[in-house]
Amino acid sequence: SEEDINRRLEELRRNADNDGSDLREMIPRKTPKKSWLQRTAEERNRRLDAEAQMEEQRQAAALEVAGTLVRHWYGSVTDTPSLGASGAVMAITNGSVLLFPLDRVVRAGVNLSLPISAAIYTFSDLAGFVYPDETDNVDHTGHLAGAGTGLMYVWLRWASLARAGVGCPGVYGALPIIAQWRKSGLRL
């Protein structure tokens, strides 16, 4: 009977434990059944891992497309190489606008809000790109690509955290800049 088999297996296990032999690995152990809660938690974790992996692939694809477009666009405009970290600074600045819309910066003695300051630099680079000057040695395309990448990265990352439900409830609702816009009562 099954009861006799289980008793015999248990006896063999005890004997194996006493004499130190490797029978312990050969004797199958009963695996306890998982509760509904454990199975549900494991399924949820598998689903969240799959969603996180898909989100990472989505972000990588979006950044690759953006990079390809910039290389194609930039390569057709000029043969001057892009050098320096100013594009990364623009990415950080414009990404910060979405996260910290109420912050202020002092530039040349003028106290401006972060979104206005970032907009001034971005529009200045846009003007430099649209109306190029041969004596200008500023990489306007690199700045614009950095600005766009920073905005896109923060937006995509915020969306992935909101979908995954990471953090405290309600923290990953709308981006702070959108929440402030809604709070101000402005409408399109």
C-alpha atoms as a PDB file:
ATOM      1  CA  SER A   1       0.000   0.000   0.000  1.00  0.00           C
ATOM      2  CA  GLU A   2       1.036   3.622  -0.334  1.00  0.00           C
ATOM      3  CA  GLU A   3       1.359   3.949   3.424  1.00  0.00           C
ATOM      4  CA  ASP A   4       3.831   1.047   3.546  1.00  0.00           C
ATOM      5  CA  ILE A   5       5.863   2.558   0.718  1.00  0.00           C
ATOM      6  CA  ASN A   6       6.055   5.937   2.446  1.00  0.00           C
ATOM      7  CA  ARG A   7       7.051   4.289   5.752  1.00  0.00           C
ATOM      8  CA  ARG A   8       9.781   2.287   3.956  1.00  0.00           C
ATOM      9  CA  LEU A   9      11.076   5.420   2.194  1.00  0.00           C
ATOM     10  CA  GLU A  10      11.214   7.259   5.497  1.00  0.00           C
ATOM     11  CA  GLU A  11      13.124   4.356   7.074  1.00  0.00           C
ATOM     12  CA  LEU A  12      15.610   4.357   4.190  1.00  0.00           C
ATOM     13  CA  ARG A  13      16.048   8.133   4.589  1.00  0.00           C
ATOM     14  CA  ARG A  14      16.801   7.748   8.322  1.00  0.00           C
ATOM     15  CA  ASN A  15      19.292   4.975   7.635  1.00  0.00           C
ATOM     16  CA  ALA A  16      20.931   7.077   4.932  1.00  0.00           C
ATOM     17  CA  ASP A  17      21.189   9.988   7.377  1.00  0.00           C
ATOM     18  CA  ASN A  18      22.823   7.740   9.969  1.00  0.00           C
ATOM     19  CA  ASP A  19      25.464   6.103   7.783  1.00  0.00           C
ATOM     20  CA  GLY A  20      26.238   9.223   5.708  1.00  0.00           C
ATOM     21  CA  SER A  21      25.695   7.503   2.372  1.00  0.00           C
ATOM     22  CA  ASP A  22      24.450   9.242  -0.739  1.00  0.00           C
ATOM     23  CA  LEU A  23      21.092   7.493  -0.669  1.00  0.00           C
ATOM     24  CA  ARG A  24      19.503  10.751   0.420  1.00  0.00           C
ATOM     25  CA  GLU A  25      19.761  12.105  -3.120  1.00  0.00           C
ATOM     26  CA  MET A  26      18.404   8.883  -4.606  1.00  0.00           C
ATOM     27  CA  ILE A  27      15.295   8.731  -2.426  1.00  0.00           C
ATOM     28  CA  PRO A  28      12.624  11.095  -3.692  1.00  0.00           C
ATOM     29  CA  ARG A  29      11.307  13.491  -1.078  1.00  0.00           C
ATOM     30  CA  LYS A  30       7.722  14.519  -1.028  1.00  0.00           C
ATOM     31  CA  THR A  31       7.325  18.091  -2.101  1.00  0.00           C
ATOM     32  CA  PRO A  32       4.617  19.844  -0.172  1.00  0.00           C
ATOM     33  CA  LYS A  33       1.774  21.162  -2.274  1.00  0.00           C
ATOM     34  CA  LYS A  34       1.812  24.888  -2.748  1.00  0.00           C
ATOM     35  CA  SER A  35      -1.050  26.885  -1.414  1.00  0.00           C
ATOM     36  CA  TRP A  36      -3.283  28.941  -3.657  1.00  0.00           C
ATOM     37  CA  LEU A  37      -1.612  32.084  -2.311  1.00  0.00           C
ATOM     38  CA  GLN A  38       1.885  30.806  -3.157  1.00  0.00           C
ATOM     39  CA  ARG A  39       0.821  29.773  -6.661  1.00  0.00           C
ATOM     40  CA  THR A  40      -0.869  33.142  -7.210  1.00  0.00           C
ATOM     41  CA  ALA A  41       2.197  35.052  -5.967  1.00  0.00           C
ATOM     42  CA  GLU A  42       4.512  33.021  -8.208  1.00  0.00           C
ATOM     43  CA  GLU A  43       2.256  33.592 -11.214  1.00  0.00           C
ATOM     44  CA  ARG A  44       2.111  37.329 -10.479  1.00  0.00           C
ATOM     45  CA  ASN A  45       5.912  37.481 -10.184  1.00  0.00           C
ATOM     46  CA  ARG A  46       6.319  35.630 -13.495  1.00  0.00           C
ATOM     47  CA  ARG A  47       3.873  38.035 -15.145  1.00  0.00           C
ATOM     48  CA  LEU A  48       5.618  41.107 -13.687  1.00  0.00           C
ATOM     49  CA  ASP A  49       9.006  39.783 -14.819  1.00  0.00           C
ATOM     50  CA  ALA A  50       7.650  39.233 -18.331  1.00  0.00           C
ATOM     51  CA  GLU A  51       6.114  42.728 -18.388  1.00  0.00           C
ATOM     52  CA  ALA A  52       9.366  44.280 -17.137  1.00  0.00           C
ATOM     53  CA  GLN A  53      11.325  42.451 -19.808  1.00  0.00           C
ATOM     54  CA  MET A  54       8.880  43.624 -22.505  1.00  0.00           C
ATOM     55  CA  GLU A  55       9.141  47.200 -21.189  1.00  0.00           C
ATOM     56  CA  GLU A  56      12.940  47.061 -21.327  1.00  0.00           C
ATOM     57  CA  GLN A  57      12.753  45.777 -24.903  1.00  0.00           C
ATOM     58  CA  ARG A  58      10.284  48.547 -25.786  1.00  0.00           C
ATOM     59  CA  GLN A  59      12.577  51.194 -24.300  1.00  0.00           C
ATOM     60  CA  ALA A  60      15.637  49.769 -26.039  1.00  0.00           C
ATOM     61  CA  ALA A  61      13.783  49.712 -29.368  1.00  0.00           C
ATOM     62  CA  ALA A  62      12.575  53.298 -28.933  1.00  0.00           C
ATOM     63  CA  LEU A  63      16.073  54.519 -28.096  1.00  0.00           C
ATOM     64  CA  GLU A  64      17.536  52.579 -31.021  1.00  0.00           C
ATOM     65  CA  VAL A  65      15.005  54.100 -33.417  1.00  0.00           C
ATOM     66  CA  ALA A  66      15.747  57.565 -32.035  1.00  0.00           C
ATOM     67  CA  GLY A  67      19.484  56.995 -32.400  1.00  0.00           C
ATOM     68  CA  THR A  68      19.106  55.734 -35.958  1.00  0.00           C
ATOM     69  CA  LEU A  69      16.971  58.731 -36.921  1.00  0.00           C
ATOM     70  CA  VAL A  70      19.444  61.163 -35.372  1.00  0.00           C
ATOM     71  CA  ARG A  71      22.408  59.490 -37.101  1.00  0.00           C
ATOM     72  CA  HIS A  72      20.562  59.536 -40.425  1.00  0.00           C
ATOM     73  CA  TRP A  73      19.370  63.108 -39.985  1.00  0.00           C
ATOM     74  CA  TYR A  74      22.653  64.376 -38.569  1.00  0.00           C
ATOM     75  CA  GLY A  75      24.748  62.607 -41.185  1.00  0.00           C
ATOM     76  CA  SER A  76      22.845  64.326 -43.974  1.00  0.00           C
ATOM     77  CA  VAL A  77      23.214  67.803 -42.407  1.00  0.00           C
ATOM     78  CA  THR A  78      26.910  67.949 -41.625  1.00  0.00           C
ATOM     79  CA  ASP A  79      30.089  65.932 -41.619  1.00  0.00           C
ATOM     80  CA  THR A  80      31.252  67.470 -38.337  1.00  0.00           C
ATOM     81  CA  PRO A  81      31.549  64.854 -35.596  1.00  0.00           C
ATOM     82  CA  SER A  82      29.624  65.238 -32.377  1.00  0.00           C
ATOM     83  CA  LEU A  83      31.965  65.599 -29.414  1.00  0.00           C
ATOM     84  CA  GLY A  84      31.441  66.366 -25.734  1.00  0.00           C
ATOM     85  CA  ALA A  85      28.888  65.810 -23.029  1.00  0.00           C
ATOM     86  CA  SER A  86      26.550  68.700 -23.774  1.00  0.00           C
ATOM     87  CA  GLY A  87      23.942  66.359 -25.287  1.00  0.00           C
ATOM     88  CA  ALA A  88      23.934  64.388 -22.024  1.00  0.00           C
ATOM     89  CA  VAL A  89      23.528  67.630 -20.064  1.00  0.00           C
ATOM     90  CA  MET A  90      20.530  68.504 -22.230  1.00  0.00           C
ATOM     91  CA  ALA A  91      19.097  65.005 -21.631  1.00  0.00           C
ATOM     92  CA  ILE A  92      19.395  65.425 -17.866  1.00  0.00           C
ATOM     93  CA  THR A  93      18.006  68.971 -17.954  1.00  0.00           C
ATOM     94  CA  ASN A  94      14.978  68.145 -20.099  1.00  0.00           C
ATOM     95  CA  GLY A  95      14.313  64.879 -18.246  1.00  0.00           C
ATOM     96  CA  SER A  96      14.404  66.806 -14.975  1.00  0.00           C
ATOM     97  CA  VAL A  97      11.722  69.148 -16.288  1.00  0.00           C
ATOM     98  CA  LEU A  98       9.241  66.265 -16.265  1.00  0.00           C
ATOM     99  CA  LEU A  99      10.201  65.206 -12.741  1.00  0.00           C
ATOM    100  CA  PHE A 100      10.813  68.564 -11.036  1.00  0.00           C
ATOM    101  CA  PRO A 101       8.632  71.161 -12.776  1.00  0.00           C
ATOM    102  CA  LEU A 102       8.634  73.542  -9.785  1.00  0.00           C
ATOM    103  CA  ASP A 103      12.420  73.716  -9.367  1.00  0.00           C
ATOM    104  CA  ARG A 104      14.229  76.942 -10.142  1.00  0.00           C
ATOM    105  CA  VAL A 105      17.696  77.624 -11.551  1.00  0.00           C
ATOM    106  CA  VAL A 106      19.839  80.743 -11.513  1.00  0.00           C
ATOM    107  CA  ARG A 107      21.499  81.422 -14.832  1.00  0.00           C
ATOM    108  CA  ALA A 108      23.570  84.584 -15.366  1.00  0.00           C
ATOM    109  CA  GLY A 109      22.009  86.077 -12.249  1.00  0.00           C
ATOM    110  CA  VAL A 110      18.444  85.464 -13.426  1.00  0.00           C
ATOM    111  CA  ASN A 111      16.189  83.192 -11.357  1.00  0.00           C
ATOM    112  CA  LEU A 112      14.099  81.077 -13.779  1.00  0.00           C
ATOM    113  CA  SER A 113      11.900  78.033 -13.406  1.00  0.00           C
ATOM    114  CA  LEU A 114      13.509  74.834 -14.692  1.00  0.00           C
ATOM    115  CA  PRO A 115      10.972  74.313 -17.514  1.00  0.00           C
ATOM    116  CA  ILE A 116      11.468  77.862 -18.806  1.00  0.00           C
ATOM    117  CA  SER A 117      15.254  77.580 -18.633  1.00  0.00           C
ATOM    118  CA  ALA A 118      15.206  74.236 -20.487  1.00  0.00           C
ATOM    119  CA  ALA A 119      12.807  75.648 -23.090  1.00  0.00           C
ATOM    120  CA  ILE A 120      15.119  78.624 -23.737  1.00  0.00           C
ATOM    121  CA  TYR A 121      18.107  76.341 -24.347  1.00  0.00           C
ATOM    122  CA  THR A 122      16.103  73.891 -26.446  1.00  0.00           C
ATOM    123  CA  PHE A 123      14.575  76.603 -28.645  1.00  0.00           C
ATOM    124  CA  SER A 124      17.984  78.252 -29.005  1.00  0.00           C
ATOM    125  CA  ASP A 125      19.382  74.929 -30.265  1.00  0.00           C
ATOM    126  CA  LEU A 126      16.375  74.470 -32.517  1.00  0.00           C
ATOM    127  CA  ALA A 127      17.008  77.912 -34.032  1.00  0.00           C
ATOM    128  CA  GLY A 128      20.698  77.079 -34.445  1.00  0.00           C
ATOM    129  CA  PHE A 129      19.769  73.848 -36.200  1.00  0.00           C
ATOM    130  CA  VAL A 130      17.155  75.358 -38.512  1.00  0.00           C
ATOM    131  CA  TYR A 131      19.291  78.439 -39.344  1.00  0.00           C
ATOM    132  CA  PRO A 132      22.864  77.114 -39.290  1.00  0.00           C
ATOM    133  CA  ASP A 133      25.747  79.560 -39.095  1.00  0.00           C
ATOM    134  CA  GLU A 134      29.095  78.475 -40.527  1.00  0.00           C
ATOM    135  CA  THR A 135      30.995  80.253 -37.749  1.00  0.00           C
ATOM    136  CA  ASP A 136      28.942  78.520 -35.049  1.00  0.00           C
ATOM    137  CA  ASN A 137      30.749  75.472 -33.702  1.00  0.00           C
ATOM    138  CA  VAL A 138      27.942  74.317 -31.405  1.00  0.00           C
ATOM    139  CA  ASP A 139      26.525  70.829 -31.967  1.00  0.00           C
ATOM    140  CA  HIS A 140      22.864  71.819 -32.061  1.00  0.00           C
ATOM    141  CA  THR A 141      21.815  68.400 -33.372  1.00  0.00           C
ATOM    142  CA  GLY A 142      23.537  66.675 -30.451  1.00  0.00           C
ATOM    143  CA  HIS A 143      21.819  69.020 -28.014  1.00  0.00           C
ATOM    144  CA  LEU A 144      18.406  68.407 -29.567  1.00  0.00           C
ATOM    145  CA  ALA A 145      18.981  64.657 -29.653  1.00  0.00           C
ATOM    146  CA  GLY A 146      19.985  64.757 -25.981  1.00  0.00           C
ATOM    147  CA  ALA A 147      16.935  66.819 -25.068  1.00  0.00           C
ATOM    148  CA  GLY A 148      14.612  64.435 -26.884  1.00  0.00           C
ATOM    149  CA  THR A 149      16.306  61.379 -25.427  1.00  0.00           C
ATOM    150  CA  GLY A 150      16.026  62.760 -21.880  1.00  0.00           C
ATOM    151  CA  LEU A 151      12.318  63.506 -22.291  1.00  0.00           C
ATOM    152  CA  MET A 152      11.636  60.143 -23.913  1.00  0.00           C
ATOM    153  CA  TYR A 153      13.627  58.164 -21.330  1.00  0.00           C
ATOM    154  CA  VAL A 154      11.939  59.769 -18.300  1.00  0.00           C
ATOM    155  CA  TRP A 155       8.492  59.407 -19.863  1.00  0.00           C
ATOM    156  CA  LEU A 156       9.010  55.728 -20.772  1.00  0.00           C
ATOM    157  CA  ARG A 157      10.609  54.898 -17.421  1.00  0.00           C
ATOM    158  CA  TRP A 158       7.792  56.597 -15.507  1.00  0.00           C
ATOM    159  CA  ALA A 159       5.210  54.706 -17.575  1.00  0.00           C
ATOM    160  CA  SER A 160       6.926  51.365 -16.935  1.00  0.00           C
ATOM    161  CA  LEU A 161       7.024  51.999 -13.177  1.00  0.00           C
ATOM    162  CA  ALA A 162       3.368  53.004 -13.206  1.00  0.00           C
ATOM    163  CA  ARG A 163       2.393  49.819 -15.074  1.00  0.00           C
ATOM    164  CA  ALA A 164       4.450  47.630 -12.745  1.00  0.00           C
ATOM    165  CA  GLY A 165       2.911  49.281  -9.674  1.00  0.00           C
ATOM    166  CA  VAL A 166       6.331  49.815  -8.108  1.00  0.00           C
ATOM    167  CA  GLY A 167       6.477  51.932  -4.976  1.00  0.00           C
ATOM    168  CA  CYS A 168       3.752  53.374  -2.812  1.00  0.00           C
ATOM    169  CA  PRO A 169       0.193  53.480  -4.105  1.00  0.00           C
ATOM    170  CA  GLY A 170      -0.498  56.700  -5.945  1.00  0.00           C
ATOM    171  CA  VAL A 171       3.167  57.696  -6.335  1.00  0.00           C
ATOM    172  CA  TYR A 172       3.403  56.669  -9.966  1.00  0.00           C
ATOM    173  CA  GLY A 173       0.282  58.312 -11.274  1.00  0.00           C
ATOM    174  CA  ALA A 174       0.768  61.161 -13.682  1.00  0.00           C
ATOM    175  CA  LEU A 175       4.209  62.641 -14.173  1.00  0.00           C
ATOM    176  CA  PRO A 176       4.836  65.545 -11.762  1.00  0.00           C
ATOM    177  CA  ILE A 177       4.712  68.074 -14.584  1.00  0.00           C
ATOM    178  CA  ILE A 178       1.276  66.783 -15.651  1.00  0.00           C
ATOM    179  CA  ALA A 179       0.057  66.669 -12.042  1.00  0.00           C
ATOM    180  CA  GLN A 180       1.118  70.307 -11.538  1.00  0.00           C
ATOM    181  CA  TRP A 181      -0.527  71.288 -14.810  1.00  0.00           C
ATOM    182  CA  ARG A 182      -3.789  69.630 -13.711  1.00  0.00           C
ATOM    183  CA  LYS A 183      -3.576  71.195 -10.245  1.00  0.00           C
ATOM    184  CA  SER A 184      -3.190  74.677 -11.760  1.00  0.00           C
ATOM    185  CA  GLY A 185      -6.508  74.244 -13.542  1.00  0.00           C
ATOM    186  CA  LEU A 186      -5.116  74.973 -17.008  1.00  0.00           C
ATOM    187  CA  ARG A 187      -6.940  73.338 -19.883  1.00  0.00           C
ATOM    188  CA  LEU A 188      -6.017  72.949 -23.523  1.00  0.00           C
END
